[in-house]
Structures are given as structure tokens and as C-alpha cells.
């Protein structure tokens, strides 16, 4: 293996390790949860962390990993030594954010808000984001009963 290839593996492994540490620390996600949220298998993520790959990771998997964790894929591409402009997709402009969601996000980054309150905000958001939704016909029956 060339020195450059080894340096790229180390840089990418460091990037992945930091992303996993951040997901564990801020979201309390396990490796299984990261895999579920990103669509990248635990085996693949473990190989990336170990730098145990013969050919470069697939760009689609790297992008999925980053997007699942809310990271910019350009940082991963830079760690891999890839030309960031060649693989960049033009993303559509995000829809306008609800003012209440913006207020919650501001509280999550506000240094004057306690860690306990931030924890409760995250837990509430996590609950709402992943609770099962009722089938449409059940929701309509509930509205009619009101």
C-alpha cells in the first residue's frame, strides 16, 4: 500500500470515528442505530473505522452515511482525497422551516440553556419523529368524532 493510500485510509477512519462519537454523544445512537439511520451496514462502517478496505468506499454510501448523520459529504470526500466538485449534487433549496422548530433549534445551541432542558427537547423530538403514524382512514374517523 502506498503512503498516500494509507494516509487517506487514516483520514477517512478518523472522520468516521468522529462522526460516530458525535452521534453517540449528542443523540445517544448506538452503532446499530447509526446503521439504520444511514442505510450503511455496521460491517461497512466498522471496515471504514479500521481502514480495512481494498478499494475506495462507494460515493453513494459515503453520502448516505453523511446525510444520515447530518454531515456535509464534502468533509468525507476531502478525507478520502476526492475532488469535491466532481461528486457534488445540486440539492434543491430546503423548504422554509416552521418558526417553532427554529426556536427549538436555537435553544439546542444556546449556551445558556441547561443540558437537562436540551436533553428533554431532543427526547421529545426523537419521540415525535419516530412514533408510528396512524393510517389515513383512522385519522379521518378521529377528526369526524371531534
N, C-alpha and C. Protein backbone atom coordinates (compact mmCIF):
# COMPACT_ATOMS: atom_id res chain seq x y z
N UNK A 1 0.85 -1.17 0.00
CA UNK A 1 0.00 0.00 0.00
C UNK A 1 0.89 1.23 0.00
N UNK A 2 0.51 2.22 -0.79
CA UNK A 2 1.32 3.44 -0.86
C UNK A 2 1.07 4.29 0.39
N UNK A 3 2.00 5.18 0.62
CA UNK A 3 1.88 6.06 1.78
C UNK A 3 0.65 6.95 1.66
N UNK A 4 0.34 7.40 0.44
CA UNK A 4 -0.82 8.26 0.22
C UNK A 4 -2.12 7.50 0.49
N UNK A 5 -2.21 6.26 0.01
CA UNK A 5 -3.41 5.45 0.24
C UNK A 5 -3.60 5.21 1.74
N UNK A 6 -2.51 4.94 2.43
CA UNK A 6 -2.60 4.71 3.87
C UNK A 6 -3.04 5.99 4.59
N UNK A 7 -2.52 7.13 4.19
CA UNK A 7 -2.90 8.40 4.80
C UNK A 7 -4.39 8.69 4.58
N UNK A 8 -4.89 8.37 3.38
CA UNK A 8 -6.31 8.56 3.09
C UNK A 8 -7.17 7.66 3.97
N UNK A 9 -6.74 6.42 4.14
CA UNK A 9 -7.49 5.49 5.00
C UNK A 9 -7.54 6.00 6.43
N UNK A 10 -6.42 6.49 6.92
CA UNK A 10 -6.37 7.02 8.28
C UNK A 10 -7.27 8.25 8.41
N UNK A 11 -7.20 9.14 7.42
CA UNK A 11 -8.02 10.36 7.46
C UNK A 11 -9.50 10.03 7.43
N UNK A 12 -9.90 9.09 6.57
CA UNK A 12 -11.31 8.73 6.48
C UNK A 12 -11.75 7.99 7.74
N UNK A 13 -10.92 7.11 8.26
CA UNK A 13 -11.23 6.39 9.50
C UNK A 13 -11.44 7.39 10.64
N UNK A 14 -10.61 8.41 10.70
CA UNK A 14 -10.74 9.44 11.73
C UNK A 14 -12.05 10.19 11.57
N UNK A 15 -12.40 10.53 10.32
CA UNK A 15 -13.66 11.22 10.05
C UNK A 15 -14.85 10.37 10.52
N UNK A 16 -14.85 9.09 10.16
CA UNK A 16 -15.96 8.20 10.53
C UNK A 16 -16.02 8.04 12.04
N UNK A 17 -14.88 7.84 12.68
CA UNK A 17 -14.84 7.66 14.14
C UNK A 17 -15.41 8.90 14.84
N UNK A 18 -15.02 10.08 14.38
CA UNK A 18 -15.54 11.32 14.99
C UNK A 18 -17.04 11.44 14.79
N UNK A 19 -17.51 11.09 13.60
CA UNK A 19 -18.95 11.14 13.32
C UNK A 19 -19.72 10.19 14.23
N UNK A 20 -19.17 9.00 14.44
CA UNK A 20 -19.82 8.03 15.33
C UNK A 20 -19.80 8.52 16.78
N UNK A 21 -18.67 9.07 17.21
CA UNK A 21 -18.57 9.60 18.58
C UNK A 21 -19.58 10.72 18.79
N UNK A 22 -19.72 11.58 17.79
CA UNK A 22 -20.68 12.69 17.88
C UNK A 22 -22.11 12.16 17.96
N UNK A 23 -22.43 11.15 17.15
CA UNK A 23 -23.78 10.57 17.17
C UNK A 23 -24.07 9.92 18.53
N UNK A 24 -23.07 9.27 19.10
CA UNK A 24 -23.25 8.65 20.43
C UNK A 24 -23.43 9.72 21.50
N UNK A 25 -22.60 10.76 21.44
CA UNK A 25 -22.62 11.78 22.49
C UNK A 25 -23.85 12.68 22.43
N UNK A 26 -24.24 13.12 21.24
CA UNK A 26 -25.32 14.09 21.14
C UNK A 26 -26.69 13.46 20.94
N UNK A 27 -26.72 12.26 20.37
CA UNK A 27 -28.02 11.64 20.07
C UNK A 27 -28.23 10.32 20.79
N UNK A 28 -27.19 9.85 21.48
CA UNK A 28 -27.24 8.56 22.17
C UNK A 28 -27.54 7.41 21.20
N UNK A 29 -27.02 7.51 19.98
CA UNK A 29 -27.22 6.46 18.98
C UNK A 29 -26.17 5.39 19.12
N UNK A 30 -26.60 4.16 19.06
CA UNK A 30 -25.68 3.02 19.03
C UNK A 30 -25.20 2.82 17.60
N UNK A 31 -24.25 1.91 17.42
CA UNK A 31 -23.80 1.59 16.07
C UNK A 31 -24.93 1.06 15.21
N UNK A 32 -25.81 0.29 15.83
CA UNK A 32 -26.97 -0.25 15.10
C UNK A 32 -27.89 0.87 14.65
N UNK A 33 -28.10 1.85 15.53
CA UNK A 33 -28.97 2.97 15.18
C UNK A 33 -28.36 3.81 14.07
N UNK A 34 -27.05 4.04 14.12
CA UNK A 34 -26.38 4.79 13.05
C UNK A 34 -26.56 4.05 11.73
N UNK A 35 -26.40 2.74 11.76
CA UNK A 35 -26.56 1.93 10.56
C UNK A 35 -27.99 2.06 10.02
N UNK A 36 -28.96 1.99 10.91
CA UNK A 36 -30.36 2.08 10.50
C UNK A 36 -30.67 3.45 9.90
N UNK A 37 -30.16 4.50 10.52
CA UNK A 37 -30.47 5.87 10.08
C UNK A 37 -29.74 6.24 8.79
N UNK A 38 -28.59 5.63 8.55
CA UNK A 38 -27.80 6.00 7.37
C UNK A 38 -28.00 5.04 6.20
N UNK A 39 -28.44 3.82 6.49
CA UNK A 39 -28.57 2.83 5.44
C UNK A 39 -27.26 2.17 5.07
N UNK A 40 -26.23 2.39 5.88
CA UNK A 40 -24.91 1.77 5.66
C UNK A 40 -24.74 0.69 6.71
N UNK A 41 -24.39 -0.51 6.29
CA UNK A 41 -24.31 -1.63 7.23
C UNK A 41 -23.25 -1.41 8.30
N UNK A 42 -23.46 -2.03 9.45
CA UNK A 42 -22.49 -1.92 10.54
C UNK A 42 -21.14 -2.48 10.10
N UNK A 43 -21.17 -3.56 9.29
CA UNK A 43 -19.92 -4.16 8.83
C UNK A 43 -19.12 -3.16 7.99
N UNK A 44 -19.81 -2.44 7.12
CA UNK A 44 -19.14 -1.45 6.28
C UNK A 44 -18.58 -0.33 7.14
N UNK A 45 -19.38 0.18 8.06
CA UNK A 45 -18.91 1.25 8.94
C UNK A 45 -17.70 0.77 9.75
N UNK A 46 -17.74 -0.46 10.25
CA UNK A 46 -16.60 -0.99 11.01
C UNK A 46 -15.35 -1.11 10.14
N UNK A 47 -15.52 -1.51 8.89
CA UNK A 47 -14.37 -1.58 7.98
C UNK A 47 -13.79 -0.18 7.75
N UNK A 48 -14.66 0.80 7.59
CA UNK A 48 -14.19 2.17 7.41
C UNK A 48 -13.39 2.63 8.62
N UNK A 49 -13.90 2.33 9.82
CA UNK A 49 -13.21 2.74 11.05
C UNK A 49 -11.84 2.09 11.16
N UNK A 50 -11.75 0.84 10.74
CA UNK A 50 -10.47 0.11 10.79
C UNK A 50 -9.56 0.45 9.62
N UNK A 51 -10.08 1.12 8.59
CA UNK A 51 -9.29 1.38 7.38
C UNK A 51 -9.05 0.08 6.63
N UNK A 52 -9.99 -0.83 6.76
CA UNK A 52 -9.84 -2.18 6.21
C UNK A 52 -10.65 -2.30 4.91
N UNK A 53 -10.20 -1.58 3.87
CA UNK A 53 -10.87 -1.67 2.58
C UNK A 53 -9.82 -1.63 1.48
N UNK A 54 -10.06 -2.48 0.48
CA UNK A 54 -9.10 -2.61 -0.62
C UNK A 54 -9.33 -1.53 -1.68
N UNK A 55 -10.58 -1.22 -1.94
CA UNK A 55 -10.88 -0.16 -2.92
C UNK A 55 -11.69 0.92 -2.21
N UNK A 56 -11.69 2.10 -2.78
CA UNK A 56 -12.38 3.23 -2.16
C UNK A 56 -13.83 2.91 -1.84
N UNK A 57 -14.34 3.49 -0.76
CA UNK A 57 -15.78 3.33 -0.46
C UNK A 57 -16.62 3.88 -1.60
N UNK A 58 -17.81 3.33 -1.76
CA UNK A 58 -18.72 3.83 -2.79
C UNK A 58 -19.21 5.21 -2.39
N UNK A 59 -19.17 6.13 -3.34
CA UNK A 59 -19.58 7.52 -3.05
C UNK A 59 -21.01 7.58 -2.52
N UNK A 60 -21.90 6.74 -3.05
CA UNK A 60 -23.30 6.76 -2.60
C UNK A 60 -23.40 6.38 -1.13
N UNK A 61 -22.59 5.43 -0.69
CA UNK A 61 -22.62 5.02 0.72
C UNK A 61 -22.05 6.12 1.60
N UNK A 62 -20.99 6.76 1.14
CA UNK A 62 -20.40 7.85 1.91
C UNK A 62 -21.41 8.98 2.06
N UNK A 63 -22.10 9.31 0.97
CA UNK A 63 -23.12 10.37 1.01
C UNK A 63 -24.26 9.96 1.95
N UNK A 64 -24.72 8.72 1.86
CA UNK A 64 -25.81 8.25 2.73
C UNK A 64 -25.40 8.32 4.20
N UNK A 65 -24.17 7.90 4.49
CA UNK A 65 -23.66 7.96 5.86
C UNK A 65 -23.68 9.40 6.37
N UNK A 66 -23.15 10.30 5.57
CA UNK A 66 -23.08 11.71 5.97
C UNK A 66 -24.47 12.32 6.13
N UNK A 67 -25.32 12.10 5.15
CA UNK A 67 -26.66 12.69 5.22
C UNK A 67 -27.46 12.13 6.39
N UNK A 68 -27.29 10.84 6.69
CA UNK A 68 -27.99 10.24 7.83
C UNK A 68 -27.57 10.84 9.15
N UNK A 69 -26.35 11.36 9.20
CA UNK A 69 -25.83 11.98 10.42
C UNK A 69 -25.86 13.50 10.37
N UNK A 70 -26.39 14.04 9.28
CA UNK A 70 -26.47 15.50 9.15
C UNK A 70 -25.13 16.16 8.88
N UNK A 71 -24.23 15.43 8.22
CA UNK A 71 -22.90 15.96 7.92
C UNK A 71 -22.78 16.31 6.45
N UNK A 72 -21.87 17.20 6.14
CA UNK A 72 -21.61 17.56 4.76
C UNK A 72 -20.71 16.49 4.13
N UNK A 73 -21.16 15.82 3.08
CA UNK A 73 -20.33 14.80 2.44
C UNK A 73 -18.99 15.34 1.94
N UNK A 74 -18.91 16.64 1.70
CA UNK A 74 -17.65 17.22 1.22
C UNK A 74 -16.51 16.97 2.20
N UNK A 75 -16.82 16.95 3.50
CA UNK A 75 -15.78 16.69 4.51
C UNK A 75 -15.26 15.26 4.37
N UNK A 76 -16.16 14.31 4.12
CA UNK A 76 -15.74 12.92 3.92
C UNK A 76 -14.94 12.79 2.62
N UNK A 77 -15.41 13.47 1.58
CA UNK A 77 -14.69 13.42 0.30
C UNK A 77 -13.29 13.99 0.45
N UNK A 78 -13.17 15.07 1.23
CA UNK A 78 -11.86 15.66 1.45
C UNK A 78 -10.94 14.67 2.17
N UNK A 79 -11.48 13.97 3.17
CA UNK A 79 -10.68 12.97 3.90
C UNK A 79 -10.22 11.87 2.95
N UNK A 80 -11.04 11.54 1.98
CA UNK A 80 -10.70 10.50 1.01
C UNK A 80 -9.80 11.03 -0.11
N UNK A 81 -9.61 12.34 -0.15
CA UNK A 81 -8.79 12.93 -1.20
C UNK A 81 -9.51 13.01 -2.53
N UNK A 82 -10.83 13.00 -2.49
CA UNK A 82 -11.62 13.08 -3.72
C UNK A 82 -11.86 14.53 -4.08
N UNK A 83 -12.03 14.77 -5.37
CA UNK A 83 -12.37 16.09 -5.86
C UNK A 83 -13.82 16.35 -5.46
N UNK A 84 -14.02 17.28 -4.57
CA UNK A 84 -15.36 17.54 -4.04
C UNK A 84 -16.32 18.06 -5.10
N UNK A 85 -15.83 18.75 -6.08
CA UNK A 85 -16.74 19.33 -7.07
C UNK A 85 -17.25 18.28 -8.05
N UNK A 86 -16.50 17.20 -8.24
CA UNK A 86 -16.90 16.19 -9.22
C UNK A 86 -18.13 15.42 -8.78
N UNK A 87 -18.29 15.18 -7.48
CA UNK A 87 -19.39 14.36 -6.99
C UNK A 87 -20.51 15.17 -6.36
N UNK A 88 -20.37 16.47 -6.34
CA UNK A 88 -21.36 17.30 -5.67
C UNK A 88 -22.67 17.30 -6.44
N UNK A 89 -23.74 17.06 -5.71
CA UNK A 89 -25.07 17.12 -6.30
C UNK A 89 -25.67 18.48 -5.97
N UNK A 90 -26.46 18.99 -6.87
CA UNK A 90 -27.14 20.23 -6.56
C UNK A 90 -28.42 19.87 -5.83
N UNK A 91 -28.44 20.22 -4.59
CA UNK A 91 -29.61 19.91 -3.77
C UNK A 91 -30.64 21.02 -3.94
N UNK A 92 -31.91 20.63 -3.95
CA UNK A 92 -32.94 21.67 -4.03
C UNK A 92 -32.92 22.49 -2.74
N UNK A 93 -33.38 23.71 -2.84
CA UNK A 93 -33.43 24.56 -1.65
C UNK A 93 -34.36 23.91 -0.64
N UNK A 94 -33.96 23.89 0.62
CA UNK A 94 -34.82 23.27 1.62
C UNK A 94 -36.10 24.08 1.80
N UNK A 95 -37.18 23.43 2.17
CA UNK A 95 -38.43 24.17 2.37
C UNK A 95 -38.27 25.09 3.58
N UNK A 96 -39.07 26.13 3.66
CA UNK A 96 -38.97 27.03 4.80
C UNK A 96 -39.25 26.26 6.09
N UNK A 97 -38.52 26.62 7.13
CA UNK A 97 -38.65 25.91 8.40
C UNK A 97 -39.74 26.55 9.25
N UNK A 98 -40.48 25.71 9.94
CA UNK A 98 -41.51 26.16 10.85
C UNK A 98 -40.86 27.01 11.95
N UNK A 99 -41.46 28.15 12.31
CA UNK A 99 -40.87 29.01 13.33
C UNK A 99 -40.67 28.31 14.68
N UNK A 100 -41.58 27.39 15.04
CA UNK A 100 -41.43 26.67 16.31
C UNK A 100 -40.21 25.76 16.28
N UNK A 101 -39.97 25.13 15.14
CA UNK A 101 -38.79 24.26 15.00
C UNK A 101 -37.53 25.11 15.07
N UNK A 102 -37.55 26.28 14.43
CA UNK A 102 -36.39 27.18 14.51
C UNK A 102 -36.11 27.58 15.96
N UNK A 103 -37.16 27.84 16.72
CA UNK A 103 -36.99 28.22 18.12
C UNK A 103 -36.36 27.08 18.92
N UNK A 104 -36.79 25.85 18.66
CA UNK A 104 -36.20 24.69 19.35
C UNK A 104 -34.73 24.53 18.98
N UNK A 105 -34.42 24.70 17.71
CA UNK A 105 -33.02 24.57 17.28
C UNK A 105 -32.15 25.65 17.93
N UNK A 106 -32.69 26.86 18.04
CA UNK A 106 -31.93 27.93 18.71
C UNK A 106 -31.67 27.57 20.17
N UNK A 107 -32.66 26.97 20.84
CA UNK A 107 -32.48 26.57 22.24
C UNK A 107 -31.43 25.47 22.36
N UNK A 108 -31.37 24.58 21.38
CA UNK A 108 -30.39 23.49 21.44
C UNK A 108 -28.95 23.97 21.32
N UNK A 109 -28.73 25.10 20.69
CA UNK A 109 -27.36 25.61 20.54
C UNK A 109 -27.07 26.77 21.50
N UNK A 110 -28.06 27.20 22.26
CA UNK A 110 -27.89 28.30 23.20
C UNK A 110 -27.08 27.84 24.42
N UNK A 111 -25.92 28.46 24.68
CA UNK A 111 -25.11 28.02 25.83
C UNK A 111 -25.78 28.31 27.17
N UNK A 112 -26.79 29.18 27.20
CA UNK A 112 -27.47 29.49 28.46
C UNK A 112 -28.58 28.50 28.81
N UNK A 113 -28.91 27.61 27.89
CA UNK A 113 -29.93 26.59 28.14
C UNK A 113 -29.24 25.38 28.77
N UNK A 114 -29.83 24.85 29.83
CA UNK A 114 -29.22 23.74 30.57
C UNK A 114 -29.17 22.47 29.72
N UNK A 115 -28.22 21.61 30.06
CA UNK A 115 -28.11 20.31 29.38
C UNK A 115 -29.36 19.47 29.60
N UNK A 116 -29.95 19.59 30.79
CA UNK A 116 -31.17 18.81 31.08
C UNK A 116 -32.31 19.23 30.15
N UNK A 117 -32.46 20.54 29.94
CA UNK A 117 -33.52 21.00 29.05
C UNK A 117 -33.25 20.56 27.61
N UNK A 118 -31.99 20.66 27.19
CA UNK A 118 -31.63 20.21 25.84
C UNK A 118 -31.92 18.72 25.67
N UNK A 119 -31.63 17.94 26.70
CA UNK A 119 -31.91 16.51 26.66
C UNK A 119 -33.40 16.28 26.44
N UNK A 120 -34.25 17.00 27.18
CA UNK A 120 -35.70 16.82 27.06
C UNK A 120 -36.20 17.26 25.69
N UNK A 121 -35.63 18.32 25.15
CA UNK A 121 -36.02 18.75 23.80
C UNK A 121 -35.69 17.66 22.79
N UNK A 122 -34.46 17.11 22.88
CA UNK A 122 -34.05 16.04 21.94
C UNK A 122 -34.94 14.81 22.08
N UNK A 123 -35.22 14.42 23.31
CA UNK A 123 -36.06 13.23 23.54
C UNK A 123 -37.46 13.43 22.97
N UNK A 124 -38.02 14.60 23.16
CA UNK A 124 -39.36 14.89 22.63
C UNK A 124 -39.35 14.86 21.10
N UNK A 125 -38.35 15.49 20.51
CA UNK A 125 -38.24 15.49 19.05
C UNK A 125 -38.08 14.06 18.53
N UNK A 126 -37.22 13.28 19.19
CA UNK A 126 -36.99 11.89 18.78
C UNK A 126 -38.29 11.08 18.86
N UNK A 127 -39.04 11.27 19.94
CA UNK A 127 -40.32 10.57 20.09
C UNK A 127 -41.27 10.93 18.96
N UNK A 128 -41.41 12.23 18.69
CA UNK A 128 -42.34 12.67 17.65
C UNK A 128 -41.90 12.23 16.26
N UNK A 129 -40.59 12.23 16.02
CA UNK A 129 -40.10 11.88 14.69
C UNK A 129 -40.28 10.41 14.35
N UNK A 130 -40.24 9.55 15.35
CA UNK A 130 -40.24 8.11 15.06
C UNK A 130 -41.45 7.37 15.59
N UNK A 131 -42.46 8.07 16.08
CA UNK A 131 -43.66 7.37 16.52
C UNK A 131 -44.42 6.88 15.29
N UNK A 132 -45.13 5.79 15.43
CA UNK A 132 -45.90 5.30 14.27
C UNK A 132 -47.03 6.27 13.93
N UNK A 133 -47.27 6.42 12.66
CA UNK A 133 -48.37 7.28 12.24
C UNK A 133 -49.60 6.41 12.02
N UNK A 134 -50.73 6.97 12.31
CA UNK A 134 -51.97 6.24 12.12
C UNK A 134 -52.33 6.21 10.63
N UNK A 135 -52.95 5.13 10.18
CA UNK A 135 -53.42 5.11 8.79
C UNK A 135 -54.40 6.25 8.56
N UNK A 136 -54.48 6.73 7.33
CA UNK A 136 -55.30 7.89 6.99
C UNK A 136 -56.76 7.70 7.37
N UNK A 137 -57.32 6.52 7.15
CA UNK A 137 -58.74 6.30 7.45
C UNK A 137 -59.00 6.39 8.96
N UNK A 138 -58.06 5.98 9.79
CA UNK A 138 -58.22 6.08 11.24
C UNK A 138 -58.16 7.55 11.66
N UNK A 139 -57.25 8.31 11.05
CA UNK A 139 -57.14 9.73 11.37
C UNK A 139 -58.43 10.47 11.00
N UNK A 140 -59.02 10.12 9.85
CA UNK A 140 -60.25 10.78 9.42
C UNK A 140 -61.39 10.47 10.36
N UNK A 141 -61.47 9.20 10.85
CA UNK A 141 -62.53 8.83 11.81
C UNK A 141 -62.38 9.63 13.09
N UNK A 142 -61.13 9.85 13.53
CA UNK A 142 -60.88 10.63 14.73
C UNK A 142 -61.31 12.07 14.57
N UNK A 143 -61.08 12.64 13.38
CA UNK A 143 -61.48 14.02 13.10
C UNK A 143 -63.00 14.14 13.07
N UNK A 144 -63.68 13.13 12.55
CA UNK A 144 -65.14 13.16 12.45
C UNK A 144 -65.77 13.08 13.83
N UNK A 145 -65.13 12.39 14.78
CA UNK A 145 -65.67 12.24 16.11
C UNK A 145 -65.54 13.52 16.93
N UNK A 146 -64.65 14.43 16.51
CA UNK A 146 -64.40 15.67 17.28
C UNK A 146 -65.55 16.62 17.21
